[in-house]
Structure formats: structure tokens, C-alpha cells
Amino acid sequence: MSLEPELLKHAFKKPFTLLYPFEKRETPKGFRGRIQYDMAKCIGCGLCARDCPSGAIEMIGKGKTAEFRVHLYMCTFCGQCVDSCPVSAISFTNEYEYASPDKSKLIFEFKRPIEAEKS
């Protein structure tokens, strides 16, 4: 049979693919991973929650005391929240592994620093 010579030819070659999850490829520039809030910069205007087309961002409170809850299972990673933030308080991270059967593990909360609550 012609299968054995082909098998022997490729048996000792290095594989073309990465051994994921042990080896991970570096994410490219401009990659849209999970969003991250810089709550020290955030002015609490609510444009991110209002402009989110999938409704993945929930704003709790108003103004400088506002906190955010991001429902990652609803997020389409479109970047509209990043574009609409007037003070650039939202950015993308390089994180992309978010498989979970439990939706509560896909909810990220961003709370204000303690110093901002006293002011």
C-alpha cells in the first residue's frame, strides 16, 4: 500500500500547528479582546452603554459614582464602546479565551476606586 511510505515520511517532521492550549499565538496589533475600563479616567457619561448595539454594557449609577457591568456573552467585540468614549477610558485587552457553560463567569464588573467614593 502507498499509505505506509507517506506515514513514515511525515512521522518525524515537526507539526505545522501550534500545540494549543500549551502554545499560544501572539495576538495581532489592533486585536479586539475583552474590554477594560480605566475607572480613574471614566466620567460616567454613559455613552458606552447607550451606544452598545448588543446591550452588553450595563451602567449602574450616574456620573462619577457610576459602575459598569459587561455581559461578555452578549458582546460582539465591535468596538463601538471604545470609539464612543470621550475620555478614552475603555480599551481592548489581548484576552480571548472565554468559554464557559456558566454565564455568571462571563460577567465582568468595573467598580470605582475607593478614593473616588470618598470625594
Protein backbone atom coordinates (compact mmCIF):
# COMPACT_ATOMS: atom_id res chain seq x y z
CA MET A 1 0.00 0.00 0.00
CA SER A 2 1.09 3.59 -0.56
CA LEU A 3 -0.09 4.73 2.88
CA GLU A 4 2.89 3.39 4.84
CA PRO A 5 5.60 5.35 2.98
CA GLU A 6 3.52 8.53 3.35
CA LEU A 7 3.10 7.86 7.07
CA LEU A 8 6.80 7.27 7.59
CA LYS A 9 7.68 10.39 5.62
CA HIS A 10 5.64 12.62 7.95
CA ALA A 11 6.03 10.74 11.25
CA PHE A 12 9.23 12.52 12.30
CA LYS A 13 8.54 16.02 10.97
CA LYS A 14 7.66 18.93 13.19
CA PRO A 15 3.90 19.65 13.15
CA PHE A 16 2.66 22.77 11.35
CA THR A 17 0.10 23.64 14.00
CA LEU A 18 0.59 25.01 17.50
CA LEU A 19 0.03 22.74 20.46
CA TYR A 20 -2.86 24.81 21.78
CA PRO A 21 -3.52 25.48 24.71
CA PHE A 22 0.11 24.91 25.69
CA GLU A 23 1.42 27.16 22.91
CA LYS A 24 -0.45 30.34 22.07
CA ARG A 25 -0.06 32.62 19.10
CA GLU A 26 0.66 36.27 19.79
CA THR A 27 -2.35 38.45 19.09
CA PRO A 28 -2.01 40.94 16.21
CA LYS A 29 -1.95 44.71 16.68
CA GLY A 30 -5.48 46.08 16.90
CA PHE A 31 -6.90 42.82 18.27
CA ARG A 32 -10.32 43.21 19.87
CA GLY A 33 -10.31 41.11 23.01
CA ARG A 34 -12.22 41.73 26.23
CA ILE A 35 -12.88 45.40 27.02
CA GLN A 36 -11.24 47.01 30.03
CA TYR A 37 -12.38 50.15 31.84
CA ASP A 38 -9.98 52.62 33.43
CA MET A 39 -12.31 53.78 36.16
CA ALA A 40 -9.95 56.58 37.20
CA LYS A 41 -10.48 58.21 33.78
CA CYS A 42 -14.20 57.41 33.43
CA ILE A 43 -16.54 60.40 33.85
CA GLY A 44 -19.69 58.26 33.92
CA CYS A 45 -21.32 59.82 30.87
CA GLY A 46 -22.93 56.51 29.85
CA LEU A 47 -22.19 56.82 26.12
CA CYS A 48 -20.65 53.34 26.08
CA ALA A 49 -23.79 51.71 27.48
CA ARG A 50 -26.08 53.77 25.25
CA ASP A 51 -24.11 53.12 22.05
CA CYS A 52 -23.53 49.38 22.60
CA PRO A 53 -25.51 47.70 19.78
CA SER A 54 -25.88 44.41 21.65
CA GLY A 55 -26.73 45.91 25.04
CA ALA A 56 -23.78 44.15 26.70
CA ILE A 57 -22.83 47.11 28.91
CA GLU A 58 -24.93 47.86 31.97
CA MET A 59 -24.38 51.17 33.77
CA ILE A 60 -25.10 51.17 37.50
CA GLY A 61 -25.47 54.66 38.93
CA LYS A 62 -24.76 58.02 37.31
CA GLY A 63 -21.85 60.36 36.87
CA LYS A 64 -18.60 59.95 38.78
CA THR A 65 -20.13 57.24 41.00
CA ALA A 66 -21.25 55.04 38.09
CA GLU A 67 -20.04 51.47 37.88
CA PHE A 68 -20.27 49.13 34.92
CA ARG A 69 -21.16 45.51 34.33
CA VAL A 70 -20.13 43.98 31.00
CA HIS A 71 -22.02 40.87 29.89
CA LEU A 72 -19.34 39.27 27.74
CA TYR A 73 -21.68 36.58 26.42
CA MET A 74 -23.65 39.36 24.69
CA CYS A 75 -20.66 41.38 23.45
CA THR A 76 -19.93 41.29 19.72
CA PHE A 77 -16.48 42.94 20.15
CA CYS A 78 -17.45 45.62 17.63
CA GLY A 79 -15.53 48.40 19.40
CA GLN A 80 -18.35 50.94 19.43
CA CYS A 81 -17.90 51.50 23.18
CA VAL A 82 -14.19 52.21 22.72
CA ASP A 83 -14.91 54.65 19.88
CA SER A 84 -17.70 56.49 21.69
CA CYS A 85 -15.84 57.06 25.00
CA PRO A 86 -14.91 60.78 25.07
CA VAL A 87 -12.07 60.33 27.60
CA SER A 88 -10.59 57.05 26.25
CA ALA A 89 -11.38 55.17 29.47
CA ILE A 90 -12.20 51.95 27.59
CA SER A 91 -9.68 49.80 25.78
CA PHE A 92 -9.33 46.28 24.44
CA THR A 93 -7.18 43.64 26.10
CA ASN A 94 -5.46 40.70 24.40
CA GLU A 95 -7.57 38.17 26.31
CA TYR A 96 -9.72 35.94 24.14
CA GLU A 97 -10.35 32.66 25.95
CA TYR A 98 -13.83 32.84 27.45
CA ALA A 99 -15.55 29.50 27.04
CA SER A 100 -17.80 28.70 29.97
CA PRO A 101 -21.13 26.93 30.40
CA ASP A 102 -21.89 29.31 33.29
CA LYS A 103 -22.98 32.80 32.16
CA SER A 104 -22.14 34.32 35.54
CA LYS A 105 -18.43 33.73 34.82
CA LEU A 106 -18.78 35.88 31.70
CA ILE A 107 -19.95 38.98 33.56
CA PHE A 108 -17.19 41.47 34.39
CA GLU A 109 -17.78 44.28 36.89
CA PHE A 110 -15.83 47.51 36.94
CA LYS A 111 -16.09 49.41 40.22
CA ARG A 112 -14.75 52.78 41.26
CA PRO A 113 -11.55 53.02 43.29
CA ILE A 114 -12.16 53.64 47.00
CA GLU A 115 -10.58 57.15 46.85
CA ALA A 116 -13.18 58.28 44.30
CA GLU A 117 -16.07 57.18 46.55
CA LYS A 118 -14.87 59.44 49.43
CA SER A 119 -14.67 62.56 47.21
